[in-house]
Protein backbone atom coordinates (compact mmCIF):
# COMPACT_ATOMS: atom_id res chain seq x y z
CA MET A 1 35.21 -10.79 -3.35
CA LYS A 2 35.00 -10.01 0.37
CA TYR A 3 31.68 -10.26 1.92
CA ASP A 4 32.34 -11.05 5.59
CA VAL A 5 31.74 -8.18 7.81
CA THR A 6 34.02 -7.00 10.55
CA ASP A 7 32.53 -3.68 11.35
CA PHE A 8 28.63 -3.77 11.17
CA LYS A 9 28.18 -0.09 11.72
CA SER A 10 30.39 1.11 8.95
CA GLU A 11 30.06 -1.82 6.50
CA VAL A 12 26.29 -2.17 6.71
CA LEU A 13 24.49 0.67 8.43
CA GLU A 14 26.65 3.61 7.07
CA ARG A 15 27.13 1.94 3.73
CA SER A 16 23.37 1.37 3.32
CA THR A 17 22.82 5.13 3.18
CA GLN A 18 24.66 5.15 -0.24
CA LEU A 19 23.78 1.64 -1.48
CA PRO A 20 21.23 -1.18 -0.46
CA VAL A 21 22.96 -3.80 1.56
CA VAL A 22 21.59 -7.35 1.71
CA VAL A 23 22.87 -9.02 4.97
CA ASP A 24 23.13 -12.82 5.15
CA PHE A 25 23.12 -13.95 8.74
CA TRP A 26 24.70 -17.40 8.73
CA ALA A 27 26.98 -19.81 10.78
CA GLU A 28 29.53 -22.40 9.82
CA TRP A 29 27.46 -25.21 11.33
CA CYS A 30 24.30 -24.27 9.37
CA GLY A 31 23.69 -26.63 6.49
CA PRO A 32 20.92 -24.49 4.68
CA CYS A 33 23.22 -21.47 5.05
CA LYS A 34 25.69 -23.16 2.79
CA VAL A 35 23.05 -23.67 0.26
CA LEU A 36 21.75 -20.06 0.34
CA GLY A 37 25.23 -18.31 0.63
CA PRO A 38 26.46 -19.11 -2.91
CA VAL A 39 23.17 -18.11 -4.38
CA LEU A 40 23.29 -14.79 -2.77
CA GLU A 41 26.99 -14.35 -3.82
CA LYS A 42 26.12 -15.24 -7.44
CA LEU A 43 23.25 -12.73 -7.52
CA ALA A 44 25.40 -10.05 -5.95
CA GLN A 45 27.98 -10.52 -8.70
CA GLU A 46 25.21 -10.21 -11.23
CA SER A 47 23.61 -7.13 -9.73
CA ASP A 48 25.82 -4.63 -11.60
CA GLY A 49 26.54 -2.71 -8.33
CA ARG A 50 22.79 -2.07 -7.64
CA TRP A 51 23.24 -3.59 -4.18
CA ALA A 52 25.98 -5.04 -1.90
CA LEU A 53 26.10 -8.25 -0.08
CA ALA A 54 27.35 -8.48 3.52
CA LYS A 55 27.63 -11.83 5.40
CA ILE A 56 27.39 -11.87 9.20
CA ASP A 57 28.67 -14.95 11.05
CA THR A 58 26.18 -15.14 14.04
CA GLU A 59 28.74 -17.00 16.14
CA LYS A 60 31.25 -14.18 15.79
CA HIS A 61 28.75 -11.37 15.97
CA GLN A 62 26.34 -12.51 18.57
CA GLU A 63 25.55 -8.94 19.71
CA VAL A 64 24.38 -7.91 16.22
CA ALA A 65 22.37 -11.14 15.90
CA ALA A 66 20.68 -10.36 19.12
CA GLU A 67 19.96 -6.79 18.29
CA TYR A 68 18.22 -7.87 15.09
CA ASN A 69 16.25 -10.79 16.75
CA ILE A 70 17.95 -13.48 14.69
CA ARG A 71 16.44 -16.76 15.94
CA SER A 72 16.67 -18.87 12.83
CA ILE A 73 19.38 -19.03 10.12
CA PRO A 74 19.86 -18.41 7.34
CA SER A 75 18.17 -15.07 7.83
CA VAL A 76 18.43 -12.33 5.30
CA LYS A 77 17.69 -8.60 5.84
CA LEU A 78 17.82 -5.74 3.50
CA PHE A 79 19.20 -2.46 4.86
CA VAL A 80 18.39 0.87 3.28
CA ASP A 81 19.43 4.19 4.85
CA GLY A 82 20.50 2.35 8.03
CA LYS A 83 17.16 0.50 8.57
CA VAL A 84 15.71 -2.88 7.72
CA ALA A 85 13.55 -2.49 4.57
CA GLY A 86 12.88 -6.24 3.83
CA GLU A 87 13.68 -9.69 5.01
CA PHE A 88 13.18 -13.40 4.62
CA ILE A 89 14.20 -16.56 6.46
CA GLY A 90 15.40 -19.91 5.16
CA ALA A 91 17.31 -21.21 2.09
CA LEU A 92 14.90 -20.06 -0.59
CA PRO A 93 15.59 -21.32 -4.11
CA GLU A 94 17.31 -18.94 -6.53
CA PRO A 95 14.13 -17.92 -8.48
CA MET A 96 12.43 -16.87 -5.21
CA VAL A 97 15.54 -14.96 -4.07
CA ARG A 98 15.53 -13.15 -7.38
CA GLN A 99 11.90 -12.27 -7.09
CA TRP A 100 12.44 -10.97 -3.54
CA LEU A 101 15.35 -8.81 -4.57
CA GLY A 102 13.38 -7.45 -7.47
CA LYS A 103 10.56 -6.40 -5.23
CA ASN A 104 12.58 -5.08 -2.42
CA ILE A 105 15.83 -3.47 -3.83
CA PRO A 106 15.26 0.16 -4.46
CA GLY A 107 15.96 1.34 -8.01
CA LYS A 108 18.97 3.52 -8.70
CA PHE A 109 16.58 6.51 -8.96
CA GLN A 110 14.58 5.84 -5.92
CA LYS A 111 15.55 9.01 -4.13
CA ASP A 112 14.80 11.08 -7.21
CA ILE A 113 11.26 9.53 -7.22
CA GLN A 114 10.85 10.25 -3.55
CA ASN A 115 11.86 13.88 -4.18
CA ALA A 116 9.45 14.11 -7.08
CA VAL A 117 6.55 12.81 -4.86
CA GLN A 118 7.28 15.61 -2.32
CA LEU A 119 7.36 18.12 -5.23
CA LEU A 120 3.99 16.99 -6.44
CA VAL A 121 2.57 17.32 -2.90
CA GLN A 122 3.90 20.90 -2.96
CA ASP A 123 2.36 21.57 -6.39
CA LYS A 124 5.85 22.05 -7.81
CA THR A 125 4.87 20.10 -10.97
CA VAL A 126 7.44 21.41 -13.33
CA GLU A 127 10.32 20.53 -10.99
CA ALA A 128 8.77 17.05 -10.44
CA ARG A 129 8.48 16.46 -14.24
CA GLU A 130 12.20 17.26 -14.69
CA LEU A 131 13.28 14.60 -12.10
CA LEU A 132 10.75 12.00 -13.42
CA GLU A 133 11.58 12.51 -17.05
CA THR A 134 15.20 11.78 -16.30
CA VAL A 135 14.29 8.56 -14.43
CA VAL A 136 11.93 7.35 -17.22
CA GLN A 137 14.61 8.09 -19.86
CA ASN A 138 17.15 6.02 -17.88
CA GLU A 139 14.62 3.32 -16.71
CA PRO A 140 11.68 3.08 -19.21
CA GLY A 141 10.42 0.08 -17.19
CA ASN A 142 10.13 1.98 -14.00
CA LEU A 143 6.39 1.91 -13.65
CA GLN A 144 6.34 4.06 -10.46
CA ALA A 145 8.19 6.82 -12.18
CA ARG A 146 6.02 6.55 -15.31
CA THR A 147 2.80 6.71 -13.35
CA LEU A 148 3.90 9.74 -11.32
CA LEU A 149 5.05 11.53 -14.48
CA ALA A 150 1.59 10.75 -16.03
CA LYS A 151 0.05 12.29 -12.99
CA ALA A 152 2.25 15.36 -13.43
CA TYR A 153 1.04 15.70 -17.08
CA ILE A 154 -2.65 14.72 -16.85
CA TYR A 155 -4.03 18.29 -16.76
CA GLU A 156 -1.68 19.74 -19.24
CA ASP A 157 -1.25 16.95 -21.75
CA PRO A 158 -3.64 14.09 -21.20
CA GLY A 159 -2.61 12.24 -24.30
CA LYS A 160 0.93 11.99 -23.06
CA ALA A 161 -0.21 10.98 -19.63
CA VAL A 162 -2.35 8.16 -21.04
CA GLU A 163 0.63 6.95 -23.22
CA LEU A 164 2.83 6.65 -20.16
CA VAL A 165 0.44 4.35 -18.35
CA LYS A 166 -1.09 2.45 -21.26
CA ASP A 167 0.48 -0.89 -20.45
CA ILE A 168 -0.12 -0.77 -16.62
CA GLU A 169 -2.53 -3.45 -15.96
CA GLN A 170 -4.49 -4.83 -12.79
CA ASP A 171 -1.42 -7.02 -11.64
CA SER A 172 0.56 -3.86 -11.02
CA GLU A 173 0.61 -2.01 -7.73
CA HIS A 174 0.32 1.20 -9.61
CA PHE A 175 -2.77 0.21 -11.46
CA GLU A 176 -5.29 2.25 -9.48
CA LEU A 177 -3.44 5.53 -10.12
CA ALA A 178 -3.02 4.60 -13.81
CA GLU A 179 -6.72 3.92 -14.00
CA ALA A 180 -7.49 7.22 -12.44
CA ILE A 181 -5.24 9.00 -14.96
CA ARG A 182 -7.04 7.17 -17.83
CA THR A 183 -10.46 8.00 -16.36
CA VAL A 184 -9.65 11.78 -16.14
CA ALA A 185 -8.16 11.79 -19.73
CA SER A 186 -11.49 10.13 -20.90
CA LEU A 187 -13.51 12.95 -19.13
CA PHE A 188 -11.37 15.53 -20.79
CA ASP A 189 -12.13 13.99 -24.26
CA LYS A 190 -15.85 14.05 -23.44
CA GLY A 191 -15.57 17.64 -22.37
CA SER A 192 -13.97 18.51 -25.73
CA HIS A 193 -16.88 16.61 -27.43
CA PRO A 194 -19.88 17.43 -25.21
CA GLU A 195 -22.21 16.16 -27.96
CA SER A 196 -21.07 12.64 -27.13
CA LEU A 197 -22.72 12.90 -23.54
CA PRO A 198 -26.23 11.38 -23.30
CA ASP A 199 -29.27 13.77 -23.03
CA SER A 200 -30.30 14.21 -19.46
CA PRO A 201 -31.10 16.91 -16.86
CA ALA A 202 -27.66 15.98 -15.50
CA ARG A 203 -25.84 16.67 -18.87
CA GLN A 204 -24.87 20.35 -18.41
CA THR A 205 -23.83 19.80 -14.74
CA CYS A 206 -21.51 17.02 -15.87
CA ILE A 207 -20.11 19.26 -18.76
CA ASP A 208 -19.48 22.05 -16.11
CA ALA A 209 -17.82 19.54 -13.72
CA ILE A 210 -15.47 18.40 -16.44
CA ALA A 211 -14.55 22.02 -17.28
CA ASN A 212 -13.86 22.72 -13.50
CA LEU A 213 -11.70 19.68 -13.30
CA ARG A 214 -9.72 20.76 -16.37
CA ALA A 215 -9.26 24.17 -14.70
CA LEU A 216 -8.01 22.48 -11.51
CA LYS A 217 -11.02 23.63 -9.58
CA PHE A 218 -11.28 20.35 -7.73
CA ASP A 219 -13.85 21.48 -5.12
CA ASP A 220 -16.24 22.81 -7.78
CA ALA A 221 -15.74 19.69 -9.96
CA LEU A 222 -16.47 17.31 -7.09
CA GLU A 223 -19.50 19.30 -6.04
CA LYS A 224 -20.89 19.01 -9.53
CA PHE A 225 -20.12 15.29 -10.11
CA ILE A 226 -21.70 14.54 -6.79
CA GLN A 227 -24.76 16.53 -7.87
CA VAL A 228 -24.88 14.41 -11.20
CA ILE A 229 -24.88 11.28 -9.00
CA ARG A 230 -27.80 12.62 -7.03
CA THR A 231 -29.66 13.72 -10.15
CA ASP A 232 -29.11 10.66 -12.42
CA ARG A 233 -27.21 8.01 -10.57
CA TYR A 234 -25.87 6.11 -13.45
CA TYR A 235 -25.54 8.81 -15.94
CA ASP A 236 -23.10 8.28 -18.85
CA ASP A 237 -22.14 4.79 -17.65
CA ASP A 238 -21.66 5.89 -14.08
CA SER A 239 -18.89 8.41 -15.10
CA SER A 240 -19.47 10.80 -12.35
CA ARG A 241 -18.87 8.15 -9.64
CA LYS A 242 -15.66 7.05 -11.53
CA ALA A 243 -14.66 10.77 -11.87
CA CYS A 244 -14.91 11.30 -8.03
CA ILE A 245 -12.88 8.10 -7.33
CA ALA A 246 -10.28 9.27 -9.86
CA ILE A 247 -9.93 12.76 -8.46
CA PHE A 248 -9.53 11.36 -4.90
CA LYS A 249 -6.73 8.97 -6.15
CA ILE A 250 -4.87 11.64 -7.96
CA LEU A 251 -5.24 14.17 -5.20
CA GLU A 252 -4.48 11.29 -2.53
CA GLU A 253 -6.33 10.61 0.70
CA GLU A 254 -4.54 13.16 2.82
CA HIS A 255 -5.49 16.13 0.57
CA GLU A 256 -7.92 18.52 2.13
CA THR A 257 -10.28 18.38 -0.78
CA THR A 258 -10.48 14.55 -0.62
CA LYS A 259 -11.17 14.76 3.14
CA LYS A 260 -13.84 17.36 2.50
CA TYR A 261 -15.90 15.52 -0.17
CA ARG A 262 -15.37 11.72 0.69
CA ARG A 263 -18.30 11.57 3.06
CA GLU A 264 -20.62 13.66 0.70
CA PHE A 265 -19.60 11.40 -2.13
CA SER A 266 -20.61 8.30 -0.01
CA ARG A 267 -23.86 9.82 0.94
CA ALA A 268 -24.73 10.56 -2.59
CA LEU A 269 -24.17 6.90 -3.42
CA TYR A 270 -26.14 5.40 -0.55
């Protein structure tokens, strides 16, 4: 299989708009390069077409090496959509290279996921679900897609949302959103069984806050949860504080409601 590049623009930059390209910057005189090269070639053959390998001889392509500030070889860079999306230097052992690839190579459905994220921002939940359902069906282990799909279902079908994130633990980068989804689902369960909430002057306010959240009235929900914090700081195992954090996480930090209530929430706590 041919890996040596003759035209960097077409074989790497343009190609990376369709398929991730891992570029191995090497030279004939470089001993470590001869150790890493066969590892990359082996993994490329095993990749089932998920990514392509391109080898750049820095002696023959000095202008490319200079453009990408190659000062030590072997140097490996991942190109996605014409830009560097990851890199490492040195002849890493095969397990570490596999780990790097697993962390940095976008999945086959990454663009669908990105589109779904934008649809969720635009409150086009149904369209986002359709994209994410397809991704999850094809890649059940895609935790990002599963977490986003759970986010799209949390208000309509909390049980399904929780099922989607049930195995996402603290070592996952998606844990905080998964935990927020579990928190909201738990609140909805309490809202369906208000008798389970402890007796307190804050009890009815908490029930009303949960109802507002279920109705997607986020401002009203946050106002009432913050009121509960001020009335009975640790009511129901601190559930109102957890509720606010979950709402902020699901709405995301740039959402106007999050910006509006973040400071008020902090003041209520301290």
